[in-house]
Amino acid sequence: MKEIIFGIALSFGGSAELIWHEGSPATNNTEEWVEFSTKIGVRAGYNVKKISMGLEGEDFAYYQRKIPSAFIAVGTGLSYAHHHP
């Protein structure tokens, strides 16, 4: 990232500074809790789908640093994606 930023600045005769603000850590689901939450969802009559987790940064991940857990998404499957106005 530094190489790109400084290279672009240099190509225009300028300078650059990179200030990095670290965000939330990536979620890290524990398989045991993924299985548990899946069983509970099925038992409650929900259509449970396993989704692939990428490197989502989420405040919940701070809890996961301390205790084994699973971050799950609950929705209707009929509406807009997350964070839609």
N, C-alpha and C. Protein backbone atom coordinates (compact mmCIF):
# COMPACT_ATOMS: atom_id res chain seq x y z
N MET A 1 0.82 -1.17 0.00
CA MET A 1 0.00 0.00 0.00
C MET A 1 0.88 1.25 0.00
N LYS A 2 1.94 1.23 0.83
CA LYS A 2 2.84 2.38 0.88
C LYS A 2 3.46 2.65 -0.49
N GLU A 3 3.88 1.58 -1.15
CA GLU A 3 4.53 1.72 -2.46
C GLU A 3 3.60 2.39 -3.46
N ILE A 4 2.34 2.00 -3.47
CA ILE A 4 1.37 2.59 -4.39
C ILE A 4 1.14 4.06 -4.06
N ILE A 5 0.88 4.35 -2.79
CA ILE A 5 0.60 5.73 -2.36
C ILE A 5 1.78 6.65 -2.66
N PHE A 6 2.97 6.22 -2.25
CA PHE A 6 4.14 7.07 -2.47
C PHE A 6 4.47 7.18 -3.96
N GLY A 7 4.26 6.11 -4.71
CA GLY A 7 4.52 6.14 -6.15
C GLY A 7 3.60 7.11 -6.88
N ILE A 8 2.32 7.12 -6.53
CA ILE A 8 1.38 8.05 -7.16
C ILE A 8 1.76 9.49 -6.80
N ALA A 9 2.04 9.72 -5.54
CA ALA A 9 2.42 11.08 -5.11
C ALA A 9 3.68 11.53 -5.83
N LEU A 10 4.67 10.67 -5.92
CA LEU A 10 5.93 11.00 -6.57
C LEU A 10 5.72 11.30 -8.06
N SER A 11 4.84 10.54 -8.70
CA SER A 11 4.61 10.74 -10.14
C SER A 11 3.98 12.10 -10.43
N PHE A 12 3.35 12.72 -9.44
CA PHE A 12 2.78 14.06 -9.61
C PHE A 12 3.64 15.14 -8.96
N GLY A 13 4.82 14.73 -8.51
CA GLY A 13 5.74 15.69 -7.91
C GLY A 13 5.38 16.06 -6.48
N GLY A 14 4.62 15.24 -5.86
CA GLY A 14 4.19 15.53 -4.49
C GLY A 14 4.79 14.56 -3.50
N SER A 15 4.23 14.58 -2.32
CA SER A 15 4.64 13.65 -1.28
C SER A 15 3.39 13.09 -0.63
N ALA A 16 3.57 12.05 0.16
CA ALA A 16 2.42 11.41 0.79
C ALA A 16 2.80 10.91 2.17
N GLU A 17 1.78 10.70 2.96
CA GLU A 17 1.95 10.11 4.28
C GLU A 17 0.84 9.09 4.45
N LEU A 18 1.18 7.92 4.93
CA LEU A 18 0.18 6.89 5.20
C LEU A 18 -0.05 6.83 6.70
N ILE A 19 -1.29 7.07 7.10
CA ILE A 19 -1.68 6.95 8.50
C ILE A 19 -2.69 5.81 8.56
N TRP A 20 -2.34 4.77 9.28
CA TRP A 20 -3.17 3.56 9.34
C TRP A 20 -3.97 3.55 10.63
N HIS A 21 -5.27 3.46 10.52
CA HIS A 21 -6.15 3.33 11.68
C HIS A 21 -6.68 1.90 11.70
N GLU A 22 -6.20 1.11 12.64
CA GLU A 22 -6.60 -0.29 12.71
C GLU A 22 -8.07 -0.39 13.08
N GLY A 23 -8.79 -1.25 12.38
CA GLY A 23 -10.21 -1.47 12.66
C GLY A 23 -10.42 -2.71 13.49
N SER A 24 -11.63 -3.20 13.47
CA SER A 24 -11.98 -4.41 14.22
C SER A 24 -11.24 -5.61 13.64
N PRO A 25 -10.93 -6.59 14.47
CA PRO A 25 -10.29 -7.81 13.96
C PRO A 25 -11.29 -8.64 13.15
N ALA A 26 -10.78 -9.59 12.41
CA ALA A 26 -11.64 -10.50 11.65
C ALA A 26 -12.36 -11.45 12.60
N THR A 27 -13.58 -11.81 12.26
CA THR A 27 -14.31 -12.79 13.06
C THR A 27 -13.65 -14.15 12.91
N ASN A 28 -13.76 -14.95 13.95
CA ASN A 28 -13.12 -16.26 13.94
C ASN A 28 -14.06 -17.24 14.65
N ASN A 29 -14.99 -17.81 13.89
CA ASN A 29 -15.99 -18.71 14.47
C ASN A 29 -15.38 -20.04 14.90
N THR A 30 -15.80 -20.51 16.06
CA THR A 30 -15.41 -21.82 16.57
C THR A 30 -16.40 -22.84 16.04
N GLU A 31 -15.90 -23.88 15.41
CA GLU A 31 -16.77 -24.88 14.77
C GLU A 31 -17.80 -25.46 15.73
N GLU A 32 -17.41 -25.69 16.96
CA GLU A 32 -18.33 -26.22 17.97
C GLU A 32 -19.57 -25.33 18.12
N TRP A 33 -19.35 -24.00 18.15
CA TRP A 33 -20.46 -23.07 18.32
C TRP A 33 -21.24 -22.86 17.03
N VAL A 34 -20.59 -23.04 15.89
CA VAL A 34 -21.32 -23.00 14.62
C VAL A 34 -22.30 -24.17 14.57
N GLU A 35 -21.82 -25.35 14.93
CA GLU A 35 -22.69 -26.53 14.95
C GLU A 35 -23.83 -26.36 15.96
N PHE A 36 -23.52 -25.83 17.14
CA PHE A 36 -24.54 -25.62 18.17
C PHE A 36 -25.62 -24.66 17.68
N SER A 37 -25.22 -23.53 17.12
CA SER A 37 -26.21 -22.56 16.66
C SER A 37 -27.02 -23.09 15.49
N THR A 38 -26.41 -23.92 14.66
CA THR A 38 -27.13 -24.55 13.55
C THR A 38 -28.20 -25.49 14.09
N LYS A 39 -27.85 -26.31 15.07
CA LYS A 39 -28.83 -27.23 15.68
C LYS A 39 -29.99 -26.47 16.30
N ILE A 40 -29.69 -25.38 17.01
CA ILE A 40 -30.74 -24.59 17.65
C ILE A 40 -31.66 -23.98 16.60
N GLY A 41 -31.09 -23.47 15.52
CA GLY A 41 -31.89 -22.88 14.45
C GLY A 41 -32.80 -23.90 13.79
N VAL A 42 -32.28 -25.08 13.50
CA VAL A 42 -33.08 -26.15 12.90
C VAL A 42 -34.19 -26.58 13.86
N ARG A 43 -33.83 -26.76 15.13
CA ARG A 43 -34.81 -27.16 16.14
C ARG A 43 -35.95 -26.13 16.25
N ALA A 44 -35.63 -24.85 16.05
CA ALA A 44 -36.63 -23.79 16.14
C ALA A 44 -37.45 -23.67 14.85
N GLY A 45 -37.10 -24.47 13.83
CA GLY A 45 -37.87 -24.48 12.60
C GLY A 45 -37.39 -23.51 11.53
N TYR A 46 -36.18 -22.97 11.70
CA TYR A 46 -35.65 -22.04 10.70
C TYR A 46 -34.93 -22.77 9.58
N ASN A 47 -34.91 -22.15 8.41
CA ASN A 47 -34.14 -22.66 7.28
C ASN A 47 -32.72 -22.16 7.47
N VAL A 48 -31.84 -23.03 7.91
CA VAL A 48 -30.48 -22.64 8.25
C VAL A 48 -29.56 -22.88 7.05
N LYS A 49 -28.81 -21.85 6.71
CA LYS A 49 -27.84 -21.95 5.61
C LYS A 49 -26.48 -21.56 6.16
N LYS A 50 -25.49 -22.36 5.86
CA LYS A 50 -24.13 -21.99 6.24
C LYS A 50 -23.60 -21.03 5.17
N ILE A 51 -23.08 -19.92 5.61
CA ILE A 51 -22.49 -18.96 4.69
C ILE A 51 -20.98 -18.98 4.86
N SER A 52 -20.29 -18.66 3.80
CA SER A 52 -18.84 -18.63 3.92
C SER A 52 -18.43 -17.31 4.56
N MET A 53 -17.58 -17.41 5.54
CA MET A 53 -17.08 -16.22 6.22
C MET A 53 -15.77 -15.81 5.57
N GLY A 54 -15.67 -14.54 5.28
CA GLY A 54 -14.43 -14.00 4.74
C GLY A 54 -13.64 -13.38 5.88
N LEU A 55 -13.16 -12.21 5.64
CA LEU A 55 -12.40 -11.50 6.67
C LEU A 55 -13.22 -10.35 7.23
N GLU A 56 -14.48 -10.62 7.49
CA GLU A 56 -15.34 -9.57 8.02
C GLU A 56 -14.79 -9.04 9.33
N GLY A 57 -14.68 -7.74 9.41
CA GLY A 57 -14.30 -7.10 10.66
C GLY A 57 -15.57 -6.74 11.41
N GLU A 58 -15.65 -7.11 12.62
CA GLU A 58 -16.87 -6.91 13.40
C GLU A 58 -16.49 -6.73 14.86
N ASP A 59 -17.19 -5.81 15.54
CA ASP A 59 -16.91 -5.59 16.96
C ASP A 59 -17.00 -6.88 17.77
N PHE A 60 -17.87 -7.79 17.36
CA PHE A 60 -18.05 -9.06 18.05
C PHE A 60 -16.74 -9.83 18.15
N ALA A 61 -15.84 -9.61 17.20
CA ALA A 61 -14.56 -10.32 17.19
C ALA A 61 -13.72 -10.04 18.43
N TYR A 62 -13.95 -8.90 19.08
CA TYR A 62 -13.23 -8.63 20.33
C TYR A 62 -13.65 -9.63 21.41
N TYR A 63 -14.94 -10.00 21.43
CA TYR A 63 -15.39 -11.04 22.36
C TYR A 63 -14.74 -12.37 22.00
N GLN A 64 -14.64 -12.63 20.69
CA GLN A 64 -14.07 -13.91 20.25
C GLN A 64 -12.61 -14.06 20.62
N ARG A 65 -11.94 -12.97 20.88
CA ARG A 65 -10.56 -13.07 21.36
C ARG A 65 -10.50 -13.65 22.76
N LYS A 66 -11.60 -13.52 23.52
CA LYS A 66 -11.65 -13.97 24.91
C LYS A 66 -12.34 -15.31 25.10
N ILE A 67 -13.41 -15.56 24.32
CA ILE A 67 -14.19 -16.79 24.51
C ILE A 67 -14.53 -17.42 23.16
N PRO A 68 -14.56 -18.76 23.08
CA PRO A 68 -14.97 -19.43 21.85
C PRO A 68 -16.43 -19.07 21.56
N SER A 69 -16.74 -18.80 20.29
CA SER A 69 -18.09 -18.38 19.94
C SER A 69 -18.32 -18.47 18.44
N ALA A 70 -19.52 -18.08 18.02
CA ALA A 70 -19.85 -18.04 16.59
C ALA A 70 -20.66 -16.78 16.32
N PHE A 71 -20.29 -16.06 15.30
CA PHE A 71 -21.02 -14.89 14.84
C PHE A 71 -21.99 -15.38 13.76
N ILE A 72 -23.27 -15.19 14.01
CA ILE A 72 -24.26 -15.69 13.06
C ILE A 72 -25.08 -14.54 12.50
N ALA A 73 -25.60 -14.71 11.32
CA ALA A 73 -26.46 -13.72 10.67
C ALA A 73 -27.88 -14.26 10.67
N VAL A 74 -28.82 -13.44 11.08
CA VAL A 74 -30.22 -13.85 11.12
C VAL A 74 -30.99 -12.90 10.22
N GLY A 75 -31.79 -13.46 9.33
CA GLY A 75 -32.57 -12.61 8.44
C GLY A 75 -33.70 -13.37 7.80
N THR A 76 -34.43 -12.69 6.94
CA THR A 76 -35.58 -13.31 6.29
C THR A 76 -35.21 -13.95 4.97
N GLY A 77 -34.12 -13.51 4.37
CA GLY A 77 -33.74 -14.02 3.05
C GLY A 77 -34.55 -13.39 1.94
N LEU A 78 -35.41 -12.44 2.29
CA LEU A 78 -36.30 -11.83 1.31
C LEU A 78 -36.06 -10.34 1.13
N SER A 79 -35.15 -9.78 1.86
CA SER A 79 -34.97 -8.33 1.83
C SER A 79 -33.61 -7.95 1.28
N TYR A 80 -33.31 -6.68 1.40
CA TYR A 80 -32.03 -6.16 0.94
C TYR A 80 -30.88 -6.69 1.79
N ALA A 81 -29.69 -6.48 1.29
CA ALA A 81 -28.49 -6.91 2.01
C ALA A 81 -28.32 -6.06 3.27
N HIS A 82 -27.33 -6.42 4.08
CA HIS A 82 -27.04 -5.72 5.33
C HIS A 82 -26.80 -4.22 5.09
N HIS A 83 -27.14 -3.42 6.07
CA HIS A 83 -26.86 -1.99 6.09
C HIS A 83 -27.56 -1.20 4.97
N HIS A 84 -28.67 -1.71 4.46
CA HIS A 84 -29.45 -0.99 3.46
C HIS A 84 -30.32 0.03 4.19
N PRO A 85 -30.44 1.23 3.66
CA PRO A 85 -31.20 2.27 4.36
C PRO A 85 -32.67 1.88 4.51
